[in-house]
Amino acid sequence: NETRRLYGILNKQLDGRAFIAGKDYTIADMAAYPWIVPYEAQGM
C-alpha cells in the first residue's frame, strides 16, 4: 500500500513533465528509476 502511494506521488509529479524535476534529465531521475524497475515484484 505504501508502494502504491509513492507511485501515485511520482505519477502526479510527472503529469505535464518529461522528467521528475522538469524538462531536463537529472540525478532525481537516476535516483528513482532503479527502484521502479522491479515494479511487478512490488505488486504494481
PDB file of all heavy atoms in Angstrom:
ATOM      1  N   ASN A   1       0.821  -1.213   0.000  1.00  0.00           N
ATOM      2  CA  ASN A   1       0.000   0.000   0.000  1.00  0.00           C
ATOM      3  C   ASN A   1       0.854   1.261   0.000  1.00  0.00           C
ATOM      4  O   ASN A   1       0.535   2.248  -0.676  1.00  0.00           O
ATOM      5  CB  ASN A   1      -0.944   0.010   1.202  1.00  0.00           C
ATOM      6  CG  ASN A   1      -2.059  -1.006   1.085  1.00  0.00           C
ATOM      7  OD1 ASN A   1      -2.414  -1.422  -0.024  1.00  0.00           O
ATOM      8  ND2 ASN A   1      -2.614  -1.428   2.208  1.00  0.00           N
ATOM      9  N   GLU A   2       1.954   1.239   0.752  1.00  0.00           N
ATOM     10  CA  GLU A   2       2.841   2.392   0.760  1.00  0.00           C
ATOM     11  C   GLU A   2       3.543   2.550  -0.586  1.00  0.00           C
ATOM     12  O   GLU A   2       3.757   3.671  -1.065  1.00  0.00           O
ATOM     13  CB  GLU A   2       3.867   2.279   1.893  1.00  0.00           C
ATOM     14  CG  GLU A   2       4.833   3.442   1.997  1.00  0.00           C
ATOM     15  CD  GLU A   2       4.186   4.774   2.333  1.00  0.00           C
ATOM     16  OE1 GLU A   2       2.965   4.831   2.551  1.00  0.00           O
ATOM     17  OE2 GLU A   2       4.927   5.787   2.370  1.00  0.00           O
ATOM     18  N   THR A   3       3.893   1.437  -1.203  1.00  0.00           N
ATOM     19  CA  THR A   3       4.464   1.494  -2.553  1.00  0.00           C
ATOM     20  C   THR A   3       3.492   2.153  -3.514  1.00  0.00           C
ATOM     21  O   THR A   3       3.867   3.030  -4.308  1.00  0.00           O
ATOM     22  CB  THR A   3       4.815   0.078  -3.042  1.00  0.00           C
ATOM     23  OG1 THR A   3       5.808  -0.485  -2.192  1.00  0.00           O
ATOM     24  CG2 THR A   3       5.327   0.099  -4.469  1.00  0.00           C
ATOM     25  N   ARG A   4       2.228   1.760  -3.441  1.00  0.00           N
ATOM     26  CA  ARG A   4       1.219   2.341  -4.322  1.00  0.00           C
ATOM     27  C   ARG A   4       1.065   3.839  -4.071  1.00  0.00           C
ATOM     28  O   ARG A   4       0.927   4.634  -5.012  1.00  0.00           O
ATOM     29  CB  ARG A   4      -0.123   1.626  -4.116  1.00  0.00           C
ATOM     30  CG  ARG A   4      -1.209   2.072  -5.083  1.00  0.00           C
ATOM     31  CD  ARG A   4      -2.464   1.231  -4.946  1.00  0.00           C
ATOM     32  NE  ARG A   4      -2.221  -0.143  -5.373  1.00  0.00           N
ATOM     33  CZ  ARG A   4      -2.119  -1.184  -4.551  1.00  0.00           C
ATOM     34  NH1 ARG A   4      -2.261  -1.008  -3.242  1.00  0.00           N
ATOM     35  NH2 ARG A   4      -1.902  -2.390  -5.015  1.00  0.00           N
ATOM     36  N   ARG A   5       1.119   4.241  -2.820  1.00  0.00           N
ATOM     37  CA  ARG A   5       1.018   5.669  -2.503  1.00  0.00           C
ATOM     38  C   ARG A   5       2.189   6.446  -3.106  1.00  0.00           C
ATOM     39  O   ARG A   5       2.005   7.520  -3.706  1.00  0.00           O
ATOM     40  CB  ARG A   5       0.995   5.871  -0.986  1.00  0.00           C
ATOM     41  CG  ARG A   5       0.757   7.325  -0.563  1.00  0.00           C
ATOM     42  CD  ARG A   5       0.907   7.505   0.939  1.00  0.00           C
ATOM     43  NE  ARG A   5       2.299   7.473   1.351  1.00  0.00           N
ATOM     44  CZ  ARG A   5       3.111   8.549   1.322  1.00  0.00           C
ATOM     45  NH1 ARG A   5       2.653   9.712   0.886  1.00  0.00           N
ATOM     46  NH2 ARG A   5       4.354   8.445   1.733  1.00  0.00           N
ATOM     47  N   LEU A   6       3.387   5.897  -2.984  1.00  0.00           N
ATOM     48  CA  LEU A   6       4.571   6.580  -3.503  1.00  0.00           C
ATOM     49  C   LEU A   6       4.572   6.610  -5.026  1.00  0.00           C
ATOM     50  O   LEU A   6       4.967   7.620  -5.638  1.00  0.00           O
ATOM     51  CB  LEU A   6       5.830   5.896  -2.972  1.00  0.00           C
ATOM     52  CG  LEU A   6       6.051   6.071  -1.465  1.00  0.00           C
ATOM     53  CD1 LEU A   6       7.101   5.096  -0.960  1.00  0.00           C
ATOM     54  CD2 LEU A   6       6.449   7.499  -1.123  1.00  0.00           C
ATOM     55  N   TYR A   7       4.142   5.540  -5.656  1.00  0.00           N
ATOM     56  CA  TYR A   7       3.980   5.554  -7.111  1.00  0.00           C
ATOM     57  C   TYR A   7       3.008   6.662  -7.512  1.00  0.00           C
ATOM     58  O   TYR A   7       3.215   7.344  -8.519  1.00  0.00           O
ATOM     59  CB  TYR A   7       3.443   4.209  -7.598  1.00  0.00           C
ATOM     60  CG  TYR A   7       4.466   3.158  -7.931  1.00  0.00           C
ATOM     61  CD1 TYR A   7       5.461   2.793  -7.029  1.00  0.00           C
ATOM     62  CD2 TYR A   7       4.432   2.486  -9.151  1.00  0.00           C
ATOM     63  CE1 TYR A   7       6.385   1.801  -7.331  1.00  0.00           C
ATOM     64  CE2 TYR A   7       5.352   1.503  -9.464  1.00  0.00           C
ATOM     65  CZ  TYR A   7       6.325   1.164  -8.550  1.00  0.00           C
ATOM     66  OH  TYR A   7       7.230   0.186  -8.859  1.00  0.00           O
ATOM     67  N   GLY A   8       1.944   6.805  -6.736  1.00  0.00           N
ATOM     68  CA  GLY A   8       0.954   7.839  -7.048  1.00  0.00           C
ATOM     69  C   GLY A   8       1.534   9.239  -6.951  1.00  0.00           C
ATOM     70  O   GLY A   8       1.223  10.116  -7.768  1.00  0.00           O
ATOM     71  N   ILE A   9       2.369   9.479  -5.957  1.00  0.00           N
ATOM     72  CA  ILE A   9       3.026  10.778  -5.817  1.00  0.00           C
ATOM     73  C   ILE A   9       3.917  11.053  -7.015  1.00  0.00           C
ATOM     74  O   ILE A   9       3.907  12.157  -7.601  1.00  0.00           O
ATOM     75  CB  ILE A   9       3.835  10.819  -4.509  1.00  0.00           C
ATOM     76  CG1 ILE A   9       2.889  10.858  -3.308  1.00  0.00           C
ATOM     77  CG2 ILE A   9       4.780  12.030  -4.483  1.00  0.00           C
ATOM     78  CD1 ILE A   9       3.585  10.695  -1.984  1.00  0.00           C
ATOM     79  N   LEU A  10       4.689  10.061  -7.412  1.00  0.00           N
ATOM     80  CA  LEU A  10       5.582  10.234  -8.552  1.00  0.00           C
ATOM     81  C   LEU A  10       4.783  10.416  -9.841  1.00  0.00           C
ATOM     82  O   LEU A  10       5.138  11.250 -10.693  1.00  0.00           O
ATOM     83  CB  LEU A  10       6.514   9.020  -8.663  1.00  0.00           C
ATOM     84  CG  LEU A  10       7.668   9.118  -9.654  1.00  0.00           C
ATOM     85  CD1 LEU A  10       8.503  10.370  -9.424  1.00  0.00           C
ATOM     86  CD2 LEU A  10       8.544   7.877  -9.569  1.00  0.00           C
ATOM     87  N   ASN A  11       3.715   9.669  -9.986  1.00  0.00           N
ATOM     88  CA  ASN A  11       2.862   9.809 -11.165  1.00  0.00           C
ATOM     89  C   ASN A  11       2.300  11.232 -11.266  1.00  0.00           C
ATOM     90  O   ASN A  11       2.294  11.851 -12.346  1.00  0.00           O
ATOM     91  CB  ASN A  11       1.720   8.797 -11.103  1.00  0.00           C
ATOM     92  CG  ASN A  11       0.862   8.803 -12.351  1.00  0.00           C
ATOM     93  OD1 ASN A  11       1.311   8.450 -13.432  1.00  0.00           O
ATOM     94  ND2 ASN A  11      -0.394   9.206 -12.196  1.00  0.00           N
ATOM     95  N   LYS A  12       1.853  11.779 -10.153  1.00  0.00           N
ATOM     96  CA  LYS A  12       1.321  13.148 -10.143  1.00  0.00           C
ATOM     97  C   LYS A  12       2.404  14.161 -10.485  1.00  0.00           C
ATOM     98  O   LYS A  12       2.163  15.118 -11.241  1.00  0.00           O
ATOM     99  CB  LYS A  12       0.724  13.459  -8.773  1.00  0.00           C
ATOM    100  CG  LYS A  12       0.062  14.838  -8.681  1.00  0.00           C
ATOM    101  CD  LYS A  12      -0.580  15.042  -7.316  1.00  0.00           C
ATOM    102  CE  LYS A  12      -1.243  16.421  -7.243  1.00  0.00           C
ATOM    103  NZ  LYS A  12      -1.890  16.628  -5.915  1.00  0.00           N
ATOM    104  N   GLN A  13       3.599  13.973  -9.941  1.00  0.00           N
ATOM    105  CA  GLN A  13       4.698  14.889 -10.233  1.00  0.00           C
ATOM    106  C   GLN A  13       5.063  14.886 -11.719  1.00  0.00           C
ATOM    107  O   GLN A  13       5.476  15.912 -12.279  1.00  0.00           O
ATOM    108  CB  GLN A  13       5.924  14.523  -9.395  1.00  0.00           C
ATOM    109  CG  GLN A  13       7.173  15.341  -9.682  1.00  0.00           C
ATOM    110  CD  GLN A  13       7.034  16.815  -9.329  1.00  0.00           C
ATOM    111  OE1 GLN A  13       6.080  17.215  -8.658  1.00  0.00           O
ATOM    112  NE2 GLN A  13       7.982  17.625  -9.773  1.00  0.00           N
ATOM    113  N   LEU A  14       4.904  13.745 -12.373  1.00  0.00           N
ATOM    114  CA  LEU A  14       5.288  13.616 -13.775  1.00  0.00           C
ATOM    115  C   LEU A  14       4.182  14.039 -14.736  1.00  0.00           C
ATOM    116  O   LEU A  14       4.404  14.046 -15.949  1.00  0.00           O
ATOM    117  CB  LEU A  14       5.712  12.167 -14.061  1.00  0.00           C
ATOM    118  CG  LEU A  14       7.075  11.788 -13.468  1.00  0.00           C
ATOM    119  CD1 LEU A  14       7.225  10.280 -13.384  1.00  0.00           C
ATOM    120  CD2 LEU A  14       8.199  12.403 -14.290  1.00  0.00           C
ATOM    121  N   ASP A  15       3.039  14.418 -14.230  1.00  0.00           N
ATOM    122  CA  ASP A  15       1.951  14.923 -15.078  1.00  0.00           C
ATOM    123  C   ASP A  15       2.385  16.258 -15.684  1.00  0.00           C
ATOM    124  O   ASP A  15       2.589  17.241 -14.975  1.00  0.00           O
ATOM    125  CB  ASP A  15       0.683  15.102 -14.241  1.00  0.00           C
ATOM    126  CG  ASP A  15      -0.518  15.505 -15.084  1.00  0.00           C
ATOM    127  OD1 ASP A  15      -0.392  15.630 -16.324  1.00  0.00           O
ATOM    128  OD2 ASP A  15      -1.600  15.702 -14.486  1.00  0.00           O
ATOM    129  N   GLY A  16       2.575  16.291 -16.998  1.00  0.00           N
ATOM    130  CA  GLY A  16       2.984  17.518 -17.668  1.00  0.00           C
ATOM    131  C   GLY A  16       4.483  17.769 -17.658  1.00  0.00           C
ATOM    132  O   GLY A  16       4.940  18.830 -18.103  1.00  0.00           O
ATOM    133  N   ARG A  17       5.256  16.818 -17.138  1.00  0.00           N
ATOM    134  CA  ARG A  17       6.716  16.952 -17.094  1.00  0.00           C
ATOM    135  C   ARG A  17       7.365  15.755 -17.775  1.00  0.00           C
ATOM    136  O   ARG A  17       6.933  14.629 -17.587  1.00  0.00           O
ATOM    137  CB  ARG A  17       7.230  17.031 -15.652  1.00  0.00           C
ATOM    138  CG  ARG A  17       6.746  18.238 -14.865  1.00  0.00           C
ATOM    139  CD  ARG A  17       7.297  18.200 -13.440  1.00  0.00           C
ATOM    140  NE  ARG A  17       6.898  19.372 -12.680  1.00  0.00           N
ATOM    141  CZ  ARG A  17       5.773  19.470 -11.982  1.00  0.00           C
ATOM    142  NH1 ARG A  17       4.929  18.443 -11.952  1.00  0.00           N
ATOM    143  NH2 ARG A  17       5.491  20.573 -11.322  1.00  0.00           N
ATOM    144  N   ALA A  18       8.431  16.012 -18.523  1.00  0.00           N
ATOM    145  CA  ALA A  18       9.164  14.918 -19.151  1.00  0.00           C
ATOM    146  C   ALA A  18       9.959  14.140 -18.126  1.00  0.00           C
ATOM    147  O   ALA A  18      10.082  12.905 -18.221  1.00  0.00           O
ATOM    148  CB  ALA A  18      10.098  15.471 -20.236  1.00  0.00           C
ATOM    149  N   PHE A  19      10.493  14.870 -17.123  1.00  0.00           N
ATOM    150  CA  PHE A  19      11.306  14.243 -16.093  1.00  0.00           C
ATOM    151  C   PHE A  19      10.865  14.752 -14.722  1.00  0.00           C
ATOM    152  O   PHE A  19      10.063  15.674 -14.617  1.00  0.00           O
ATOM    153  CB  PHE A  19      12.794  14.505 -16.355  1.00  0.00           C
ATOM    154  CG  PHE A  19      13.262  13.931 -17.654  1.00  0.00           C
ATOM    155  CD1 PHE A  19      13.545  14.762 -18.736  1.00  0.00           C
ATOM    156  CD2 PHE A  19      13.395  12.565 -17.811  1.00  0.00           C
ATOM    157  CE1 PHE A  19      13.961  14.225 -19.949  1.00  0.00           C
ATOM    158  CE2 PHE A  19      13.805  12.016 -19.017  1.00  0.00           C
ATOM    159  CZ  PHE A  19      14.089  12.845 -20.092  1.00  0.00           C
ATOM    160  N   ILE A  20      11.385  14.157 -13.685  1.00  0.00           N
ATOM    161  CA  ILE A  20      10.838  14.395 -12.351  1.00  0.00           C
ATOM    162  C   ILE A  20      10.908  15.863 -11.936  1.00  0.00           C
ATOM    163  O   ILE A  20       9.965  16.402 -11.371  1.00  0.00           O
ATOM    164  CB  ILE A  20      11.555  13.503 -11.316  1.00  0.00           C
ATOM    165  CG1 ILE A  20      11.195  12.033 -11.573  1.00  0.00           C
ATOM    166  CG2 ILE A  20      11.167  13.890  -9.894  1.00  0.00           C
ATOM    167  CD1 ILE A  20      11.957  11.045 -10.707  1.00  0.00           C
ATOM    168  N   ALA A  21      12.021  16.526 -12.225  1.00  0.00           N
ATOM    169  CA  ALA A  21      12.187  17.909 -11.792  1.00  0.00           C
ATOM    170  C   ALA A  21      11.865  18.912 -12.898  1.00  0.00           C
ATOM    171  O   ALA A  21      12.077  20.109 -12.706  1.00  0.00           O
ATOM    172  CB  ALA A  21      13.606  18.134 -11.278  1.00  0.00           C
ATOM    173  N   GLY A  22      11.364  18.456 -14.031  1.00  0.00           N
ATOM    174  CA  GLY A  22      11.026  19.383 -15.110  1.00  0.00           C
ATOM    175  C   GLY A  22      11.341  18.818 -16.476  1.00  0.00           C
ATOM    176  O   GLY A  22      11.164  17.632 -16.745  1.00  0.00           O
ATOM    177  N   LYS A  23      11.867  19.661 -17.360  1.00  0.00           N
ATOM    178  CA  LYS A  23      12.089  19.246 -18.741  1.00  0.00           C
ATOM    179  C   LYS A  23      13.418  18.527 -18.948  1.00  0.00           C
ATOM    180  O   LYS A  23      13.626  17.889 -19.983  1.00  0.00           O
ATOM    181  CB  LYS A  23      12.031  20.468 -19.673  1.00  0.00           C
ATOM    182  CG  LYS A  23      13.087  21.527 -19.421  1.00  0.00           C
ATOM    183  CD  LYS A  23      12.899  22.718 -20.345  1.00  0.00           C
ATOM    184  CE  LYS A  23      13.934  23.814 -20.098  1.00  0.00           C
ATOM    185  NZ  LYS A  23      15.319  23.347 -20.363  1.00  0.00           N
ATOM    186  N   ASP A  24      14.335  18.637 -17.980  1.00  0.00           N
ATOM    187  CA  ASP A  24      15.665  18.067 -18.145  1.00  0.00           C
ATOM    188  C   ASP A  24      15.863  16.823 -17.288  1.00  0.00           C
ATOM    189  O   ASP A  24      15.351  16.726 -16.167  1.00  0.00           O
ATOM    190  CB  ASP A  24      16.744  19.100 -17.784  1.00  0.00           C
ATOM    191  CG  ASP A  24      16.742  20.300 -18.722  1.00  0.00           C
ATOM    192  OD1 ASP A  24      16.519  20.088 -19.934  1.00  0.00           O
ATOM    193  OD2 ASP A  24      16.947  21.429 -18.242  1.00  0.00           O
ATOM    194  N   TYR A  25      16.650  15.907 -17.811  1.00  0.00           N
ATOM    195  CA  TYR A  25      17.024  14.685 -17.109  1.00  0.00           C
ATOM    196  C   TYR A  25      18.060  15.032 -16.043  1.00  0.00           C
ATOM    197  O   TYR A  25      19.046  15.703 -16.318  1.00  0.00           O
ATOM    198  CB  TYR A  25      17.608  13.707 -18.119  1.00  0.00           C
ATOM    199  CG  TYR A  25      17.918  12.323 -17.611  1.00  0.00           C
ATOM    200  CD1 TYR A  25      16.919  11.484 -17.132  1.00  0.00           C
ATOM    201  CD2 TYR A  25      19.223  11.833 -17.656  1.00  0.00           C
ATOM    202  CE1 TYR A  25      17.211  10.201 -16.701  1.00  0.00           C
ATOM    203  CE2 TYR A  25      19.528  10.544 -17.237  1.00  0.00           C
ATOM    204  CZ  TYR A  25      18.516   9.735 -16.759  1.00  0.00           C
ATOM    205  OH  TYR A  25      18.807   8.453 -16.336  1.00  0.00           O
ATOM    206  N   THR A  26      17.830  14.568 -14.803  1.00  0.00           N
ATOM    207  CA  THR A  26      18.707  14.931 -13.697  1.00  0.00           C
ATOM    208  C   THR A  26      18.973  13.725 -12.803  1.00  0.00           C
ATOM    209  O   THR A  26      18.444  12.628 -13.019  1.00  0.00           O
ATOM    210  CB  THR A  26      18.087  16.046 -12.826  1.00  0.00           C
ATOM    211  OG1 THR A  26      16.976  15.491 -12.084  1.00  0.00           O
ATOM    212  CG2 THR A  26      17.630  17.241 -13.649  1.00  0.00           C
ATOM    213  N   ILE A  27      19.751  13.985 -11.757  1.00  0.00           N
ATOM    214  CA  ILE A  27      20.028  12.911 -10.796  1.00  0.00           C
ATOM    215  C   ILE A  27      18.770  12.462 -10.058  1.00  0.00           C
ATOM    216  O   ILE A  27      18.741  11.354  -9.503  1.00  0.00           O
ATOM    217  CB  ILE A  27      21.132  13.299  -9.799  1.00  0.00           C
ATOM    218  CG1 ILE A  27      20.746  14.532  -8.976  1.00  0.00           C
ATOM    219  CG2 ILE A  27      22.456  13.511 -10.517  1.00  0.00           C
ATOM    220  CD1 ILE A  27      21.724  14.836  -7.830  1.00  0.00           C
ATOM    221  N   ALA A  28      17.717  13.273 -10.053  1.00  0.00           N
ATOM    222  CA  ALA A  28      16.457  12.827  -9.443  1.00  0.00           C
ATOM    223  C   ALA A  28      15.892  11.635 -10.199  1.00  0.00           C
ATOM    224  O   ALA A  28      15.365  10.691  -9.598  1.00  0.00           O
ATOM    225  CB  ALA A  28      15.446  13.973  -9.413  1.00  0.00           C
ATOM    226  N   ASP A  29      16.001  11.659 -11.514  1.00  0.00           N
ATOM    227  CA  ASP A  29      15.513  10.544 -12.329  1.00  0.00           C
ATOM    228  C   ASP A  29      16.388   9.312 -12.139  1.00  0.00           C
ATOM    229  O   ASP A  29      15.878   8.186 -12.041  1.00  0.00           O
ATOM    230  CB  ASP A  29      15.503  10.958 -13.803  1.00  0.00           C
ATOM    231  CG  ASP A  29      14.669  12.192 -14.046  1.00  0.00           C
ATOM    232  OD1 ASP A  29      13.430  12.093 -13.978  1.00  0.00           O
ATOM    233  OD2 ASP A  29      15.251  13.270 -14.278  1.00  0.00           O
ATOM    234  N   MET A  30      17.695   9.522 -12.076  1.00  0.00           N
ATOM    235  CA  MET A  30      18.613   8.394 -11.870  1.00  0.00           C
ATOM    236  C   MET A  30      18.394   7.745 -10.510  1.00  0.00           C
ATOM    237  O   MET A  30      18.556   6.535 -10.359  1.00  0.00           O
ATOM    238  CB  MET A  30      20.055   8.866 -11.993  1.00  0.00           C
ATOM    239  CG  MET A  30      20.418   9.432 -13.340  1.00  0.00           C
ATOM    240  SD  MET A  30      22.119  10.043 -13.320  1.00  0.00           S
ATOM    241  CE  MET A  30      22.082  11.197 -14.687  1.00  0.00           C
ATOM    242  N   ALA A  31      18.029   8.554  -9.521  1.00  0.00           N
ATOM    243  CA  ALA A  31      17.791   8.015  -8.181  1.00  0.00           C
ATOM    244  C   ALA A  31      16.538   7.146  -8.138  1.00  0.00           C
ATOM    245  O   ALA A  31      16.524   6.081  -7.506  1.00  0.00           O
ATOM    246  CB  ALA A  31      17.678   9.164  -7.177  1.00  0.00           C
ATOM    247  N   ALA A  32      15.492   7.582  -8.813  1.00  0.00           N
ATOM    248  CA  ALA A  32      14.205   6.901  -8.701  1.00  0.00           C
ATOM    249  C   ALA A  32      14.070   5.692  -9.622  1.00  0.00           C
ATOM    250  O   ALA A  32      13.482   4.667  -9.231  1.00  0.00           O
ATOM    251  CB  ALA A  32      13.071   7.889  -8.983  1.00  0.00           C
ATOM    252  N   TYR A  33      14.580   5.804 -10.828  1.00  0.00           N
ATOM    253  CA  TYR A  33      14.317   4.775 -11.846  1.00  0.00           C
ATOM    254  C   TYR A  33      14.633   3.353 -11.385  1.00  0.00           C
ATOM    255  O   TYR A  33      13.796   2.442 -11.555  1.00  0.00           O
ATOM    256  CB  TYR A  33      15.074   5.112 -13.133  1.00  0.00           C
ATOM    257  CG  TYR A  33      15.006   4.016 -14.174  1.00  0.00           C
ATOM    258  CD1 TYR A  33      13.911   3.925 -15.034  1.00  0.00           C
ATOM    259  CD2 TYR A  33      16.020   3.060 -14.286  1.00  0.00           C
ATOM    260  CE1 TYR A  33      13.840   2.911 -15.979  1.00  0.00           C
ATOM    261  CE2 TYR A  33      15.952   2.050 -15.224  1.00  0.00           C
ATOM    262  CZ  TYR A  33      14.862   1.970 -16.069  1.00  0.00           C
ATOM    263  OH  TYR A  33      14.787   0.962 -16.992  1.00  0.00           O
ATOM    264  N   PRO A  34      15.822   3.080 -10.818  1.00  0.00           N
ATOM    265  CA  PRO A  34      16.128   1.676 -10.486  1.00  0.00           C
ATOM    266  C   PRO A  34      15.159   1.051  -9.496  1.00  0.00           C
ATOM    267  O   PRO A  34      15.002  -0.181  -9.476  1.00  0.00           O
ATOM    268  CB  PRO A  34      17.550   1.755  -9.910  1.00  0.00           C
ATOM    269  CG  PRO A  34      18.136   2.994 -10.511  1.00  0.00           C
ATOM    270  CD  PRO A  34      16.981   3.956 -10.555  1.00  0.00           C
ATOM    271  N   TRP A  35      14.527   1.881  -8.677  1.00  0.00           N
ATOM    272  CA  TRP A  35      13.575   1.329  -7.712  1.00  0.00           C
ATOM    273  C   TRP A  35      12.229   1.002  -8.342  1.00  0.00           C
ATOM    274  O   TRP A  35      11.440   0.233  -7.769  1.00  0.00           O
ATOM    275  CB  TRP A  35      13.403   2.295  -6.537  1.00  0.00           C
ATOM    276  CG  TRP A  35      14.581   2.236  -5.632  1.00  0.00           C
ATOM    277  CD1 TRP A  35      15.642   3.090  -5.598  1.00  0.00           C
ATOM    278  CD2 TRP A  35      14.852   1.238  -4.655  1.00  0.00           C
ATOM    279  NE1 TRP A  35      16.558   2.683  -4.661  1.00  0.00           N
ATOM    280  CE2 TRP A  35      16.093   1.549  -4.063  1.00  0.00           C
ATOM    281  CE3 TRP A  35      14.174   0.102  -4.216  1.00  0.00           C
ATOM    282  CZ2 TRP A  35      16.660   0.764  -3.056  1.00  0.00           C
ATOM    283  CZ3 TRP A  35      14.735  -0.676  -3.218  1.00  0.00           C
ATOM    284  CH2 TRP A  35      15.967  -0.340  -2.652  1.00  0.00           C
ATOM    285  N   ILE A  36      11.970   1.552  -9.528  1.00  0.00           N
ATOM    286  CA  ILE A  36      10.724   1.236 -10.234  1.00  0.00           C
ATOM    287  C   ILE A  36      10.898   0.012 -11.128  1.00  0.00           C
ATOM    288  O   ILE A  36       9.922  -0.644 -11.483  1.00  0.00           O
ATOM    289  CB  ILE A  36      10.258   2.454 -11.064  1.00  0.00           C
ATOM    290  CG1 ILE A  36      10.138   3.701 -10.181  1.00  0.00           C
ATOM    291  CG2 ILE A  36       8.916   2.177 -11.741  1.00  0.00           C
ATOM    292  CD1 ILE A  36       9.126   3.597  -9.075  1.00  0.00           C
ATOM    293  N   VAL A  37      12.123  -0.313 -11.492  1.00  0.00           N
ATOM    294  CA  VAL A  37      12.369  -1.427 -12.421  1.00  0.00           C
ATOM    295  C   VAL A  37      11.667  -2.718 -11.973  1.00  0.00           C
ATOM    296  O   VAL A  37      10.992  -3.370 -12.788  1.00  0.00           O
ATOM    297  CB  VAL A  37      13.888  -1.648 -12.612  1.00  0.00           C
ATOM    298  CG1 VAL A  37      14.153  -2.953 -13.353  1.00  0.00           C
ATOM    299  CG2 VAL A  37      14.499  -0.475 -13.378  1.00  0.00           C
ATOM    300  N   PRO A  38      11.741  -3.130 -10.705  1.00  0.00           N
ATOM    301  CA  PRO A  38      11.068  -4.369 -10.308  1.00  0.00           C
ATOM    302  C   PRO A  38       9.604  -4.149  -9.904  1.00  0.00           C
ATOM    303  O   PRO A  38       9.116  -4.705  -8.913  1.00  0.00           O
ATOM    304  CB  PRO A  38      11.916  -4.852  -9.125  1.00  0.00           C
ATOM    305  CG  PRO A  38      12.455  -3.607  -8.525  1.00  0.00           C
ATOM    306  CD  PRO A  38      12.596  -2.599  -9.622  1.00  0.00           C
ATOM    307  N   TYR A  39       8.881  -3.342 -10.676  1.00  0.00           N
ATOM    308  CA  TYR A  39       7.512  -2.966 -10.285  1.00  0.00           C
ATOM    309  C   TYR A  39       6.589  -4.178 -10.167  1.00  0.00           C
ATOM    310  O   TYR A  39       5.700  -4.211  -9.306  1.00  0.00           O
ATOM    311  CB  TYR A  39       6.935  -1.928 -11.254  1.00  0.00           C
ATOM    312  CG  TYR A  39       6.832  -2.373 -12.696  1.00  0.00           C
ATOM    313  CD1 TYR A  39       5.700  -3.028 -13.162  1.00  0.00           C
ATOM    314  CD2 TYR A  39       7.864  -2.133 -13.590  1.00  0.00           C
ATOM    315  CE1 TYR A  39       5.595  -3.437 -14.481  1.00  0.00           C
ATOM    316  CE2 TYR A  39       7.778  -2.530 -14.911  1.00  0.00           C
ATOM    317  CZ  TYR A  39       6.648  -3.187 -15.359  1.00  0.00           C
ATOM    318  OH  TYR A  39       6.557  -3.593 -16.663  1.00  0.00           O
ATOM    319  N   GLU A  40       6.774  -5.170 -11.017  1.00  0.00           N
ATOM    320  CA  GLU A  40       5.897  -6.342 -10.946  1.00  0.00           C
ATOM    321  C   GLU A  40       6.095  -7.086  -9.630  1.00  0.00           C
ATOM    322  O   GLU A  40       5.119  -7.525  -9.007  1.00  0.00           O
ATOM    323  CB  GLU A  40       6.149  -7.269 -12.134  1.00  0.00           C
ATOM    324  CG  GLU A  40       5.706  -6.667 -13.464  1.00  0.00           C
ATOM    325  CD  GLU A  40       5.994  -7.578 -14.629  1.00  0.00           C
ATOM    326  OE1 GLU A  40       6.933  -8.399 -14.520  1.00  0.00           O
ATOM    327  OE2 GLU A  40       5.286  -7.476 -15.650  1.00  0.00           O
ATOM    328  N   ALA A  41       7.351  -7.211  -9.191  1.00  0.00           N
ATOM    329  CA  ALA A  41       7.637  -7.879  -7.920  1.00  0.00           C
ATOM    330  C   ALA A  41       7.091  -7.085  -6.742  1.00  0.00           C
ATOM    331  O   ALA A  41       6.876  -7.648  -5.663  1.00  0.00           O
ATOM    332  CB  ALA A  41       9.146  -8.086  -7.764  1.00  0.00           C
ATOM    333  N   GLN A  42       6.866  -5.796  -6.939  1.00  0.00           N
ATOM    334  CA  GLN A  42       6.309  -4.943  -5.889  1.00  0.00           C
ATOM    335  C   GLN A  42       4.775  -4.965  -5.890  1.00  0.00           C
ATOM    336  O   GLN A  42       4.148  -4.281  -5.079  1.00  0.00           O
ATOM    337  CB  GLN A  42       6.792  -3.505  -6.082  1.00  0.00           C
ATOM    338  CG  GLN A  42       8.294  -3.349  -5.966  1.00  0.00           C
ATOM    339  CD  GLN A  42       8.795  -2.048  -6.573  1.00  0.00           C
ATOM    340  OE1 GLN A  42       8.004  -1.184  -6.948  1.00  0.00           O
ATOM    341  NE2 GLN A  42      10.095  -1.905  -6.665  1.00  0.00           N
ATOM    342  N   GLY A  43       4.177  -5.723  -6.801  1.00  0.00           N
ATOM    343  CA  GLY A  43       2.728  -5.799  -6.879  1.00  0.00           C
ATOM    344  C   GLY A  43       2.101  -4.629  -7.595  1.00  0.00           C
ATOM    345  O   GLY A  43       0.912  -4.336  -7.397  1.00  0.00           O
ATOM    346  N   MET A  44       2.874  -3.955  -8.464  1.00  0.00           N
ATOM    347  CA  MET A  44       2.387  -2.771  -9.160  1.00  0.00           C
ATOM    348  C   MET A  44       2.225  -3.049 -10.658  1.00  0.00           C
ATOM    349  O   MET A  44       2.912  -3.902 -11.231  1.00  0.00           O
ATOM    350  CB  MET A  44       3.370  -1.606  -8.982  1.00  0.00           C
ATOM    351  CG  MET A  44       3.557  -1.121  -7.559  1.00  0.00           C
ATOM    352  SD  MET A  44       2.077  -0.401  -6.821  1.00  0.00           S
ATOM    353  CE  MET A  44       1.739  -1.632  -5.548  1.00  0.00           C
TER     354      MET A  44
END
